[in-house]
């Protein structure tokens, strides 16, 4: 179930504005859809960051972690200097390594 607008990302290269919502699972049963080969749930420490397809997925996961436990927050936007026009550089800090 959707509970809040988490982020609004702009990706001008492909003329997209992405609205990302924070939500909870209605059921613990998940399965792939028509555009997916598989669907898996991961602990934070086990997320395969290098396999995520788009910068906005990295941003959204980190935004979700930032507001975890908060009931009210402002929607996030592109990180400073990021336009979403390139894939994440593995030498940059795209995610938080801390656990919890």
Protein backbone atom coordinates (compact mmCIF):
# COMPACT_ATOMS: atom_id res chain seq x y z
CA UNK A 1 0.00 0.00 0.00
CA UNK A 2 1.27 3.46 -0.95
CA UNK A 3 1.77 5.84 1.97
CA UNK A 4 3.79 8.84 0.73
CA UNK A 5 5.49 10.48 -2.24
CA UNK A 6 9.16 9.69 -1.61
CA UNK A 7 10.89 11.48 -4.49
CA UNK A 8 10.53 13.33 -7.78
CA UNK A 9 13.48 12.74 -10.10
CA UNK A 10 14.18 14.47 -13.39
CA UNK A 11 16.00 12.61 -16.18
CA UNK A 12 16.14 15.12 -19.05
CA UNK A 13 18.14 12.88 -21.41
CA UNK A 14 15.08 10.66 -21.84
CA UNK A 15 12.49 13.38 -21.11
CA UNK A 16 11.28 11.70 -17.92
CA UNK A 17 10.06 12.88 -14.57
CA UNK A 18 9.90 9.93 -12.20
CA UNK A 19 7.55 9.93 -9.21
CA UNK A 20 8.71 7.43 -6.59
CA UNK A 21 6.37 6.44 -3.77
CA UNK A 22 7.09 4.85 -0.40
CA UNK A 23 4.92 1.82 0.09
CA UNK A 24 4.59 -1.38 2.06
CA UNK A 25 3.93 -4.87 0.80
CA UNK A 26 0.33 -6.00 1.03
CA UNK A 27 1.60 -9.58 1.21
CA UNK A 28 4.96 -11.25 1.73
CA UNK A 29 4.36 -13.21 -1.49
CA UNK A 30 6.06 -11.53 -4.47
CA UNK A 31 6.57 -12.64 -8.06
CA UNK A 32 7.96 -11.16 -11.29
CA UNK A 33 5.71 -9.19 -13.60
CA UNK A 34 5.65 -8.99 -17.38
CA UNK A 35 8.81 -6.84 -17.51
CA UNK A 36 10.81 -8.86 -14.95
CA UNK A 37 12.62 -12.16 -15.00
CA UNK A 38 12.70 -12.49 -11.22
CA UNK A 39 11.63 -10.71 -8.05
CA UNK A 40 13.63 -10.94 -4.81
CA UNK A 41 13.69 -9.21 -1.44
CA UNK A 42 17.08 -8.19 0.01
CA UNK A 43 18.44 -7.08 3.36
CA UNK A 44 20.13 -3.68 2.99
CA UNK A 45 23.63 -5.18 3.27
CA UNK A 46 22.85 -7.66 0.50
CA UNK A 47 21.50 -5.28 -2.16
CA UNK A 48 23.46 -5.95 -5.39
CA UNK A 49 24.24 -2.25 -5.96
CA UNK A 50 26.41 -2.91 -9.03
CA UNK A 51 23.50 -4.72 -10.73
CA UNK A 52 20.90 -1.95 -10.33
CA UNK A 53 19.95 -0.67 -13.74
CA UNK A 54 19.35 3.05 -13.20
CA UNK A 55 20.76 5.89 -11.07
CA UNK A 56 17.25 6.77 -9.89
CA UNK A 57 16.94 3.31 -8.31
CA UNK A 58 20.06 4.04 -6.24
CA UNK A 59 18.67 7.45 -5.29
CA UNK A 60 15.27 6.04 -4.33
CA UNK A 61 16.71 3.29 -2.15
CA UNK A 62 18.88 5.81 -0.31
CA UNK A 63 15.97 8.25 0.03
CA UNK A 64 13.83 5.47 1.48
CA UNK A 65 16.55 4.69 4.02
CA UNK A 66 16.90 8.39 4.96
CA UNK A 67 13.22 8.71 5.88
CA UNK A 68 12.74 5.28 7.43
CA UNK A 69 10.60 5.63 10.53
CA UNK A 70 9.46 9.18 9.65
CA UNK A 71 5.78 9.77 9.02
CA UNK A 72 6.22 13.23 7.47
CA UNK A 73 9.03 14.34 5.16
CA UNK A 74 9.62 16.39 2.04
CA UNK A 75 9.95 14.44 -1.20
CA UNK A 76 13.55 14.08 -2.34
CA UNK A 77 14.90 15.26 -5.69
CA UNK A 78 17.97 14.42 -7.78
CA UNK A 79 21.11 14.41 -5.65
CA UNK A 80 23.21 17.58 -6.15
CA UNK A 81 24.95 17.54 -9.53
CA UNK A 82 23.15 14.41 -10.71
CA UNK A 83 20.97 14.41 -13.82
CA UNK A 84 20.47 10.65 -14.19
CA UNK A 85 22.20 10.78 -17.56
CA UNK A 86 24.76 8.11 -16.73
CA UNK A 87 25.08 4.84 -14.93
CA UNK A 88 26.51 4.87 -11.42
CA UNK A 89 30.27 4.95 -11.19
CA UNK A 90 31.31 2.21 -8.78
CA UNK A 91 34.08 4.46 -7.43
CA UNK A 92 31.50 6.95 -6.15
CA UNK A 93 29.55 6.57 -2.94
CA UNK A 94 26.11 5.69 -4.33
CA UNK A 95 24.89 4.01 -1.21
CA UNK A 96 25.37 3.94 2.50
CA UNK A 97 27.44 1.01 3.72
CA UNK A 98 26.09 1.13 7.28
CA UNK A 99 23.73 -1.53 8.46
CA UNK A 100 20.47 -1.38 10.41
